[in-house]
Amino acid sequence: MRVGFFRRLAAFLVDAMPIILTLSLLLTFFVGDLLKSHYPNYDEDFIIYQENMDDYYETLNIYGDQLDLEEVTLTEYETLTTTLREDFNTDNQDYTEMILAYYLNVALYFFVSFSILNYFYHLIFKGQTFGRKLMKIELFGKINWFTLLLREFLWKTVFWMFTFSAGIAIDMGLIMFSRKKKTIRDYLSETELRYSGISYPF
């Protein structure tokens, strides 16, 4: 019996969590401030945006109460809320763009850093990672820097990211419903996962 999806997923999560935790700590204590340095007064502006957001929802609730008490008609309520939303978006456009740009940079930081660390982690251990050992599975085949680059970077991290996680569904389908339980990266890198100490002739 070849290695199933959930065992492979468990091994991936065991390997990924320490990397993600490390990157999160770096973001908290160092990288976050570095990214914020591109946006002068980011923390102060973020607080102002949050206060404006609180005021927006407070006013929206007031309009909702007025509608419930029939102090305004539905048409008047819709006009009030539309004006409120448009004014909020106009007044806070700069804050919104700044916050969005910051979080896009955070996402890029996680993607690039995770991809690099995960690749070198697999390279150092030649594919026999702690997660795989814990799940009692091994990587077999042509294991070198290039096949690990294909397997762990291009056809796992990048493939999953740029298919907006549809790649995970594709991998799941191939593992769960194909006889050989092999993904695209298994074929292209000429590697595969097997249970530790077991070599299948098929």
Protein backbone atom coordinates (compact mmCIF):
# COMPACT_ATOMS: atom_id res chain seq x y z
CA MET A 1 0.00 0.00 0.00
CA ARG A 2 1.48 3.34 -1.07
CA VAL A 3 1.58 6.44 1.12
CA GLY A 4 -1.82 8.12 1.35
CA PHE A 5 -2.73 11.79 1.31
CA PHE A 6 -3.30 12.35 5.03
CA ARG A 7 0.01 10.79 6.06
CA ARG A 8 1.80 12.95 3.51
CA LEU A 9 -0.11 16.02 4.68
CA ALA A 10 0.73 15.30 8.33
CA ALA A 11 4.43 15.03 7.46
CA PHE A 12 4.27 18.33 5.54
CA LEU A 13 2.56 20.13 8.44
CA VAL A 14 5.08 18.79 10.98
CA ASP A 15 7.90 20.09 8.79
CA ALA A 16 6.19 23.39 7.93
CA MET A 17 5.09 24.51 11.41
CA PRO A 18 8.58 25.22 12.84
CA ILE A 19 9.45 27.23 9.71
CA ILE A 20 6.23 29.23 9.92
CA LEU A 21 6.73 29.78 13.67
CA THR A 22 10.27 31.04 13.05
CA LEU A 23 9.10 33.40 10.32
CA SER A 24 6.29 34.67 12.56
CA LEU A 25 8.73 35.43 15.37
CA LEU A 26 11.04 37.23 12.94
CA LEU A 27 8.07 39.24 11.67
CA THR A 28 7.09 40.20 15.21
CA PHE A 29 10.54 41.24 16.43
CA PHE A 30 12.35 42.42 13.32
CA VAL A 31 10.87 42.03 9.85
CA GLY A 32 7.59 43.78 10.69
CA ASP A 33 9.39 46.98 11.67
CA LEU A 34 11.57 46.70 8.58
CA LEU A 35 8.49 46.48 6.34
CA LYS A 36 6.77 49.31 8.20
CA SER A 37 9.80 51.54 7.63
CA HIS A 38 8.59 52.00 4.06
CA TYR A 39 5.44 53.69 5.42
CA PRO A 40 6.19 56.65 7.72
CA ASN A 41 4.01 56.73 10.84
CA TYR A 42 2.45 53.35 9.98
CA ASP A 43 1.47 52.50 13.57
CA GLU A 44 -0.07 55.92 14.20
CA ASP A 45 -1.93 55.88 10.88
CA PHE A 46 -3.19 52.35 11.57
CA ILE A 47 -4.60 53.48 14.92
CA ILE A 48 -6.36 56.42 13.21
CA TYR A 49 -7.79 54.02 10.62
CA GLN A 50 -9.09 51.72 13.37
CA GLU A 51 -10.70 54.65 15.17
CA ASN A 52 -12.32 55.80 11.92
CA MET A 53 -13.55 52.24 11.38
CA ASP A 54 -15.07 52.19 14.87
CA ASP A 55 -16.82 55.51 14.19
CA TYR A 56 -18.11 54.14 10.88
CA TYR A 57 -19.71 51.09 12.48
CA GLU A 58 -21.07 53.14 15.37
CA THR A 59 -22.80 55.49 12.94
CA LEU A 60 -24.00 52.53 10.88
CA ASN A 61 -25.58 51.03 14.03
CA ILE A 62 -27.30 54.35 14.75
CA TYR A 63 -28.81 54.33 11.28
CA GLY A 64 -29.87 50.72 11.83
CA ASP A 65 -31.59 51.64 15.09
CA GLN A 66 -33.35 54.55 13.39
CA LEU A 67 -34.63 52.18 10.71
CA ASP A 68 -35.86 49.70 13.34
CA LEU A 69 -37.66 52.50 15.19
CA GLU A 70 -39.11 53.69 11.86
CA GLU A 71 -37.53 57.10 12.33
CA VAL A 72 -36.24 56.81 8.75
CA THR A 73 -37.62 54.98 5.74
CA LEU A 74 -35.79 52.18 4.00
CA THR A 75 -34.92 54.50 1.13
CA GLU A 76 -33.54 57.11 3.52
CA TYR A 77 -31.57 54.40 5.35
CA GLU A 78 -30.02 53.18 2.10
CA THR A 79 -29.10 56.76 1.14
CA LEU A 80 -27.54 57.41 4.54
CA THR A 81 -25.50 54.19 4.56
CA THR A 82 -24.35 54.65 0.97
CA THR A 83 -23.18 58.19 1.70
CA LEU A 84 -21.50 57.03 4.90
CA ARG A 85 -19.65 54.25 3.07
CA GLU A 86 -18.54 56.50 0.23
CA ASP A 87 -17.32 59.18 2.64
CA PHE A 88 -15.45 56.60 4.70
CA ASN A 89 -13.75 55.11 1.63
CA THR A 90 -12.78 58.57 0.34
CA ASP A 91 -11.48 59.83 3.69
CA ASN A 92 -9.52 56.66 4.41
CA GLN A 93 -8.23 55.80 0.95
CA ASP A 94 -4.60 56.57 1.82
CA TYR A 95 -4.79 54.51 5.02
CA THR A 96 -6.42 51.60 3.20
CA GLU A 97 -3.80 51.57 0.45
CA MET A 98 -0.99 51.72 3.00
CA ILE A 99 -2.37 48.84 5.08
CA LEU A 100 -3.07 46.72 2.00
CA ALA A 101 0.45 47.31 0.68
CA TYR A 102 1.93 46.35 4.05
CA TYR A 103 -0.01 43.07 4.25
CA LEU A 104 0.86 42.22 0.66
CA ASN A 105 4.51 42.65 1.61
CA VAL A 106 3.96 40.42 4.64
CA ALA A 107 2.41 37.74 2.40
CA LEU A 108 5.34 38.04 -0.02
CA TYR A 109 7.78 37.77 2.88
CA PHE A 110 6.15 34.55 4.11
CA PHE A 111 5.97 33.04 0.62
CA VAL A 112 9.57 33.78 -0.40
CA SER A 113 11.10 33.02 3.01
CA PHE A 114 9.13 29.82 3.51
CA SER A 115 10.00 28.61 0.00
CA ILE A 116 13.72 29.18 0.53
CA LEU A 117 13.92 27.74 4.05
CA ASN A 118 11.76 24.76 3.16
CA TYR A 119 13.95 23.98 0.15
CA PHE A 120 17.21 24.16 2.10
CA TYR A 121 15.66 22.15 4.94
CA HIS A 122 14.87 19.34 2.48
CA LEU A 123 18.26 19.73 0.80
CA ILE A 124 20.18 19.42 4.08
CA PHE A 125 18.31 16.26 5.06
CA LYS A 126 18.19 14.95 1.46
CA GLY A 127 14.43 14.75 1.59
CA GLN A 128 14.36 12.62 4.74
CA THR A 129 12.80 15.27 6.96
CA PHE A 130 11.69 15.02 10.58
CA GLY A 131 8.02 15.03 9.57
CA ARG A 132 8.52 12.14 7.17
CA LYS A 133 10.50 10.17 9.73
CA LEU A 134 7.76 10.78 12.30
CA MET A 135 5.16 9.52 9.82
CA LYS A 136 7.45 6.59 8.94
CA ILE A 137 7.76 7.46 5.27
CA GLU A 138 10.81 8.02 3.07
CA LEU A 139 11.61 9.82 -0.17
CA PHE A 140 12.96 7.49 -2.87
CA GLY A 141 14.39 8.10 -6.33
CA LYS A 142 16.78 10.66 -7.80
CA ILE A 143 17.38 12.85 -4.78
CA ASN A 144 19.68 15.80 -5.51
CA TRP A 145 19.55 19.60 -5.38
CA PHE A 146 17.75 19.84 -8.73
CA THR A 147 15.05 17.23 -8.11
CA LEU A 148 14.40 18.68 -4.66
CA LEU A 149 14.12 22.13 -6.24
CA LEU A 150 11.56 20.75 -8.70
CA ARG A 151 9.70 18.80 -6.07
CA GLU A 152 9.68 21.07 -3.01
CA PHE A 153 9.91 24.54 -4.54
CA LEU A 154 8.43 24.64 -8.04
CA TRP A 155 5.85 21.85 -7.87
CA LYS A 156 4.78 22.22 -4.28
CA THR A 157 5.16 25.72 -2.85
CA VAL A 158 4.93 27.70 -6.11
CA PHE A 159 2.34 25.38 -7.68
CA TRP A 160 0.10 25.57 -4.61
CA MET A 161 0.50 29.34 -4.31
CA PHE A 162 -0.12 30.33 -7.92
CA THR A 163 -3.05 27.98 -8.41
CA PHE A 164 -4.68 29.59 -5.36
CA SER A 165 -4.61 26.24 -3.51
CA ALA A 166 -6.27 24.39 -6.40
CA GLY A 167 -2.93 22.60 -6.65
CA ILE A 168 -3.61 21.05 -3.25
CA ALA A 169 -6.92 19.70 -4.55
CA ILE A 170 -5.18 18.32 -7.65
CA ASP A 171 -2.54 16.63 -5.48
CA MET A 172 -5.23 15.24 -3.19
CA GLY A 173 -7.12 13.80 -6.14
CA LEU A 174 -4.02 12.18 -7.65
CA ILE A 175 -2.97 10.65 -4.34
CA MET A 176 -6.42 9.45 -3.32
CA PHE A 177 -7.73 8.17 -6.65
CA SER A 178 -4.74 7.08 -8.73
CA ARG A 179 -3.33 3.59 -8.35
CA LYS A 180 0.26 4.74 -7.87
CA LYS A 181 -0.74 7.61 -5.55
CA LYS A 182 1.80 9.89 -7.23
CA THR A 183 1.52 13.65 -7.75
CA ILE A 184 2.81 15.74 -10.66
CA ARG A 185 5.98 16.54 -8.71
CA ASP A 186 6.59 12.83 -8.11
CA TYR A 187 6.62 12.17 -11.84
CA LEU A 188 8.61 15.26 -12.87
CA SER A 189 11.27 14.88 -10.18
CA GLU A 190 11.44 11.08 -10.54
CA THR A 191 10.95 10.68 -6.82
CA GLU A 192 8.19 9.23 -4.67
CA LEU A 193 7.21 8.65 -1.08
CA ARG A 194 7.09 5.14 0.35
CA TYR A 195 6.72 3.66 3.78
CA SER A 196 10.06 3.43 5.58
CA GLY A 197 11.97 0.22 4.85
CA ILE A 198 9.52 -0.94 2.17
CA SER A 199 10.30 -1.03 -1.53
CA TYR A 200 7.36 -1.76 -3.81
CA PRO A 201 7.94 -3.54 -7.14
CA PHE A 202 5.05 -1.66 -8.79
